[in-house]
N, C-alpha and C. Protein backbone atom coordinates (compact mmCIF):
# COMPACT_ATOMS: atom_id res chain seq x y z
N LEU A 1 0.82 -1.19 0.00
CA LEU A 1 0.00 0.00 0.00
C LEU A 1 0.87 1.26 0.00
N HIS A 2 1.91 1.26 0.84
CA HIS A 2 2.78 2.44 0.91
C HIS A 2 3.48 2.70 -0.42
N LYS A 3 3.88 1.64 -1.14
CA LYS A 3 4.52 1.81 -2.44
C LYS A 3 3.55 2.44 -3.43
N ALA A 4 2.30 2.03 -3.39
CA ALA A 4 1.29 2.58 -4.30
C ALA A 4 1.05 4.05 -4.00
N ILE A 5 1.00 4.41 -2.73
CA ILE A 5 0.80 5.82 -2.36
C ILE A 5 1.99 6.65 -2.80
N ARG A 6 3.20 6.14 -2.57
CA ARG A 6 4.41 6.86 -2.99
C ARG A 6 4.44 7.04 -4.50
N ARG A 7 4.09 5.99 -5.23
CA ARG A 7 4.10 6.05 -6.69
C ARG A 7 3.08 7.09 -7.18
N GLN A 8 1.89 7.10 -6.59
CA GLN A 8 0.85 8.08 -6.94
C GLN A 8 1.32 9.49 -6.65
N ARG A 9 1.93 9.71 -5.48
CA ARG A 9 2.44 11.02 -5.08
C ARG A 9 3.52 11.49 -6.07
N GLN A 10 4.41 10.58 -6.44
CA GLN A 10 5.49 10.93 -7.36
C GLN A 10 4.94 11.29 -8.74
N MET A 11 3.95 10.55 -9.22
CA MET A 11 3.35 10.85 -10.51
C MET A 11 2.67 12.21 -10.48
N CYS A 12 1.97 12.53 -9.41
CA CYS A 12 1.27 13.80 -9.28
C CYS A 12 2.27 14.96 -9.29
N ILE A 13 3.35 14.83 -8.56
CA ILE A 13 4.37 15.88 -8.51
C ILE A 13 5.00 16.07 -9.88
N ARG A 14 5.29 14.98 -10.57
CA ARG A 14 5.90 15.07 -11.90
C ARG A 14 4.94 15.71 -12.90
N ASP A 15 3.67 15.32 -12.87
CA ASP A 15 2.68 15.88 -13.80
C ASP A 15 2.54 17.38 -13.63
N ARG A 16 2.60 17.85 -12.41
CA ARG A 16 2.45 19.27 -12.15
C ARG A 16 3.59 20.09 -12.75
N ALA A 17 4.74 19.49 -12.92
CA ALA A 17 5.89 20.20 -13.49
C ALA A 17 5.63 20.59 -14.95
N HIS A 18 4.64 19.98 -15.58
CA HIS A 18 4.33 20.27 -16.99
C HIS A 18 3.06 21.09 -17.17
N ASP A 19 2.53 21.63 -16.11
CA ASP A 19 1.31 22.43 -16.15
C ASP A 19 1.66 23.84 -16.62
N PRO A 20 1.16 24.27 -17.79
CA PRO A 20 1.52 25.60 -18.31
C PRO A 20 1.00 26.76 -17.46
N SER A 21 0.03 26.51 -16.59
CA SER A 21 -0.51 27.60 -15.77
C SER A 21 0.44 27.99 -14.63
N VAL A 22 1.51 27.26 -14.44
CA VAL A 22 2.46 27.58 -13.37
C VAL A 22 3.81 28.01 -13.95
N GLU A 23 3.78 28.49 -15.17
CA GLU A 23 4.99 28.94 -15.85
C GLU A 23 4.93 30.43 -16.10
N GLY A 24 6.08 31.08 -16.10
CA GLY A 24 6.17 32.48 -16.49
C GLY A 24 5.75 33.48 -15.44
N LYS A 25 5.69 33.05 -14.19
CA LYS A 25 5.34 33.98 -13.12
C LYS A 25 6.04 33.56 -11.84
N HIS A 26 6.28 34.52 -10.97
CA HIS A 26 6.91 34.23 -9.68
C HIS A 26 5.85 33.70 -8.72
N PRO A 27 6.24 32.78 -7.83
CA PRO A 27 5.25 32.24 -6.89
C PRO A 27 4.82 33.28 -5.88
N ASP A 28 3.59 33.18 -5.45
CA ASP A 28 3.08 34.03 -4.38
C ASP A 28 3.23 33.24 -3.08
N LEU A 29 4.37 33.44 -2.41
CA LEU A 29 4.68 32.65 -1.22
C LEU A 29 3.85 33.03 -0.01
N SER A 30 2.99 34.04 -0.16
CA SER A 30 2.11 34.40 0.95
C SER A 30 1.09 33.30 1.24
N PHE A 31 0.95 32.34 0.33
CA PHE A 31 0.04 31.22 0.57
C PHE A 31 0.61 30.25 1.60
N ILE A 32 1.89 30.40 1.94
CA ILE A 32 2.50 29.58 2.98
C ILE A 32 2.33 30.32 4.31
N THR A 33 1.55 29.77 5.20
CA THR A 33 1.25 30.44 6.47
C THR A 33 2.48 30.46 7.38
N ILE A 34 2.40 31.27 8.41
CA ILE A 34 3.50 31.35 9.38
C ILE A 34 3.72 29.99 10.04
N ASN A 35 2.66 29.34 10.43
CA ASN A 35 2.78 28.02 11.06
C ASN A 35 3.41 27.00 10.11
N GLU A 36 3.03 27.05 8.83
CA GLU A 36 3.63 26.15 7.85
C GLU A 36 5.11 26.47 7.67
N ARG A 37 5.45 27.75 7.63
CA ARG A 37 6.85 28.14 7.48
C ARG A 37 7.69 27.58 8.62
N VAL A 38 7.19 27.68 9.83
CA VAL A 38 7.91 27.16 10.99
C VAL A 38 8.07 25.65 10.86
N ARG A 39 7.00 24.99 10.51
CA ARG A 39 7.03 23.52 10.36
C ARG A 39 8.01 23.10 9.27
N TYR A 40 7.98 23.77 8.12
CA TYR A 40 8.89 23.44 7.03
C TYR A 40 10.34 23.73 7.42
N ARG A 41 10.56 24.85 8.07
CA ARG A 41 11.93 25.20 8.49
C ARG A 41 12.45 24.13 9.45
N GLN A 42 11.63 23.74 10.40
CA GLN A 42 12.06 22.74 11.38
C GLN A 42 12.32 21.38 10.74
N ASN A 43 11.41 20.95 9.90
CA ASN A 43 11.46 19.59 9.37
C ASN A 43 12.27 19.42 8.10
N LEU A 44 12.37 20.47 7.29
CA LEU A 44 13.05 20.34 6.01
C LEU A 44 14.43 21.00 5.98
N PHE A 45 14.64 21.93 6.90
CA PHE A 45 15.90 22.67 6.92
C PHE A 45 16.59 22.59 8.27
N GLY A 46 16.28 21.57 9.06
CA GLY A 46 16.92 21.36 10.33
C GLY A 46 16.82 22.54 11.28
N ASN A 47 15.72 23.28 11.15
CA ASN A 47 15.45 24.49 11.94
C ASN A 47 16.49 25.58 11.70
N ASN A 48 17.15 25.52 10.54
CA ASN A 48 18.15 26.53 10.18
C ASN A 48 17.45 27.66 9.43
N LYS A 49 17.26 28.78 10.11
CA LYS A 49 16.53 29.92 9.55
C LYS A 49 17.23 30.47 8.32
N GLU A 50 18.56 30.57 8.34
CA GLU A 50 19.31 31.11 7.20
C GLU A 50 19.11 30.25 5.96
N GLN A 51 19.22 28.94 6.11
CA GLN A 51 19.03 28.05 4.95
C GLN A 51 17.61 28.13 4.43
N PHE A 52 16.65 28.16 5.33
CA PHE A 52 15.25 28.26 4.91
C PHE A 52 15.00 29.57 4.17
N ASP A 53 15.46 30.68 4.76
CA ASP A 53 15.26 31.99 4.14
C ASP A 53 15.95 32.07 2.78
N GLU A 54 17.14 31.52 2.68
CA GLU A 54 17.87 31.51 1.41
C GLU A 54 17.10 30.73 0.34
N ALA A 55 16.56 29.59 0.73
CA ALA A 55 15.78 28.78 -0.20
C ALA A 55 14.52 29.52 -0.64
N MET A 56 13.86 30.20 0.30
CA MET A 56 12.63 30.93 -0.04
C MET A 56 12.93 32.09 -0.99
N VAL A 57 14.04 32.79 -0.77
CA VAL A 57 14.42 33.89 -1.67
C VAL A 57 14.70 33.34 -3.06
N LEU A 58 15.42 32.24 -3.12
CA LEU A 58 15.71 31.64 -4.43
C LEU A 58 14.43 31.19 -5.11
N LEU A 59 13.55 30.52 -4.38
CA LEU A 59 12.28 30.07 -4.96
C LEU A 59 11.46 31.25 -5.47
N GLN A 60 11.45 32.34 -4.71
CA GLN A 60 10.71 33.54 -5.12
C GLN A 60 11.25 34.12 -6.43
N SER A 61 12.53 33.91 -6.70
CA SER A 61 13.14 34.48 -7.90
C SER A 61 12.85 33.66 -9.16
N LEU A 62 12.39 32.44 -8.99
CA LEU A 62 12.14 31.56 -10.14
C LEU A 62 10.79 31.88 -10.78
N THR A 63 10.69 31.57 -12.06
CA THR A 63 9.45 31.86 -12.78
C THR A 63 8.76 30.60 -13.32
N SER A 64 9.09 29.46 -12.74
CA SER A 64 8.34 28.25 -13.13
C SER A 64 8.40 27.23 -12.01
N TYR A 65 7.31 26.53 -11.85
CA TYR A 65 7.24 25.46 -10.86
C TYR A 65 8.25 24.37 -11.20
N ALA A 66 8.44 24.09 -12.48
CA ALA A 66 9.39 23.05 -12.89
C ALA A 66 10.80 23.39 -12.40
N ASP A 67 11.20 24.65 -12.53
CA ASP A 67 12.53 25.06 -12.06
C ASP A 67 12.61 24.96 -10.54
N ALA A 68 11.55 25.34 -9.85
CA ALA A 68 11.52 25.27 -8.39
C ALA A 68 11.63 23.81 -7.94
N ARG A 69 10.87 22.95 -8.58
CA ARG A 69 10.89 21.52 -8.26
C ARG A 69 12.28 20.95 -8.51
N ARG A 70 12.87 21.32 -9.64
CA ARG A 70 14.21 20.85 -9.99
C ARG A 70 15.24 21.29 -8.94
N TYR A 71 15.15 22.54 -8.49
CA TYR A 71 16.04 23.06 -7.46
C TYR A 71 15.94 22.23 -6.18
N LEU A 72 14.73 21.98 -5.73
CA LEU A 72 14.53 21.25 -4.48
C LEU A 72 15.01 19.79 -4.59
N ILE A 73 14.71 19.16 -5.70
CA ILE A 73 15.07 17.75 -5.86
C ILE A 73 16.54 17.58 -6.21
N ASP A 74 17.05 18.37 -7.13
CA ASP A 74 18.44 18.20 -7.56
C ASP A 74 19.44 18.87 -6.62
N ASP A 75 19.21 20.12 -6.31
CA ASP A 75 20.19 20.87 -5.51
C ASP A 75 20.09 20.55 -4.01
N LEU A 76 18.88 20.45 -3.50
CA LEU A 76 18.72 20.15 -2.08
C LEU A 76 18.59 18.64 -1.82
N GLU A 77 18.57 17.88 -2.92
CA GLU A 77 18.51 16.41 -2.85
C GLU A 77 17.28 15.90 -2.11
N TRP A 78 16.14 16.52 -2.38
CA TRP A 78 14.89 16.07 -1.80
C TRP A 78 14.38 14.85 -2.56
N ASN A 79 13.61 14.04 -1.86
CA ASN A 79 12.94 12.90 -2.47
C ASN A 79 11.49 12.89 -1.98
N PRO A 80 10.65 13.73 -2.60
CA PRO A 80 9.27 13.88 -2.11
C PRO A 80 8.44 12.61 -2.20
N ALA A 81 8.85 11.66 -3.01
CA ALA A 81 8.10 10.41 -3.09
C ALA A 81 8.22 9.61 -1.79
N ASP A 82 9.29 9.86 -1.05
CA ASP A 82 9.52 9.13 0.19
C ASP A 82 9.40 9.99 1.43
N ASP A 83 9.09 11.26 1.26
CA ASP A 83 9.02 12.16 2.42
C ASP A 83 7.73 12.97 2.33
N GLU A 84 6.84 12.70 3.25
CA GLU A 84 5.51 13.33 3.23
C GLU A 84 5.58 14.85 3.36
N ILE A 85 6.50 15.37 4.19
CA ILE A 85 6.58 16.82 4.37
C ILE A 85 7.16 17.49 3.14
N GLN A 86 8.14 16.87 2.50
CA GLN A 86 8.66 17.41 1.24
C GLN A 86 7.56 17.43 0.19
N SER A 87 6.81 16.35 0.12
CA SER A 87 5.70 16.28 -0.83
C SER A 87 4.67 17.37 -0.55
N GLU A 88 4.35 17.56 0.72
CA GLU A 88 3.40 18.61 1.11
C GLU A 88 3.92 19.99 0.72
N PHE A 89 5.21 20.23 0.95
CA PHE A 89 5.81 21.52 0.59
C PHE A 89 5.70 21.75 -0.92
N LEU A 90 5.99 20.72 -1.71
CA LEU A 90 5.88 20.86 -3.16
C LEU A 90 4.45 21.14 -3.60
N GLU A 91 3.49 20.51 -2.95
CA GLU A 91 2.09 20.77 -3.27
C GLU A 91 1.73 22.22 -2.95
N LYS A 92 2.21 22.71 -1.82
CA LYS A 92 1.96 24.10 -1.42
C LYS A 92 2.65 25.05 -2.39
N LEU A 93 3.87 24.73 -2.78
CA LEU A 93 4.61 25.56 -3.73
C LEU A 93 3.89 25.60 -5.08
N TYR A 94 3.34 24.47 -5.49
CA TYR A 94 2.56 24.43 -6.73
C TYR A 94 1.39 25.42 -6.63
N LEU A 95 0.70 25.42 -5.50
CA LEU A 95 -0.39 26.36 -5.29
C LEU A 95 0.11 27.80 -5.36
N CYS A 96 1.29 28.05 -4.79
CA CYS A 96 1.87 29.40 -4.83
C CYS A 96 2.12 29.87 -6.26
N PHE A 97 2.55 28.98 -7.13
CA PHE A 97 2.74 29.34 -8.54
C PHE A 97 1.38 29.46 -9.24
N LYS A 98 0.49 28.52 -8.96
CA LYS A 98 -0.82 28.49 -9.63
C LYS A 98 -1.62 29.75 -9.32
N GLU A 99 -1.59 30.22 -8.08
CA GLU A 99 -2.39 31.37 -7.67
C GLU A 99 -1.69 32.71 -7.89
N ALA A 100 -0.43 32.67 -8.29
CA ALA A 100 0.31 33.92 -8.52
C ALA A 100 -0.29 34.69 -9.69
N ARG A 101 -0.12 36.01 -9.64
CA ARG A 101 -0.66 36.83 -10.73
C ARG A 101 0.45 37.39 -11.58
C-alpha cells in the first residue's frame, strides 16, 4: 500500500511540473502560512533559519514550478516520493505558482 501511495504522489508531482498555468510567473509565497513556514523550516531545513530563508528567496526568484521543483530535488537532494513533508511543501509551492498573478 505504501509503495502505491508513494508512486501516486510521485506521478502527481511530476505531472504538475508540466502544467503551463504555473509557468512564467513568480510564486506568491504568501500562501504559505507562518505556522507552515515554521514547520517546514524545522522539518526540512533542520530548523536553520538562514538556509530556509535563502531557499525561499531563491524560490521567489524563479518563474516556473518546474525550475523550483528541480532546485529542491536536484540541488537540495529532496525525495518527495519518500518524504511526506517534502511532498506537502511541493504541493503548497505548486499552489503558490498556480495562484500567482
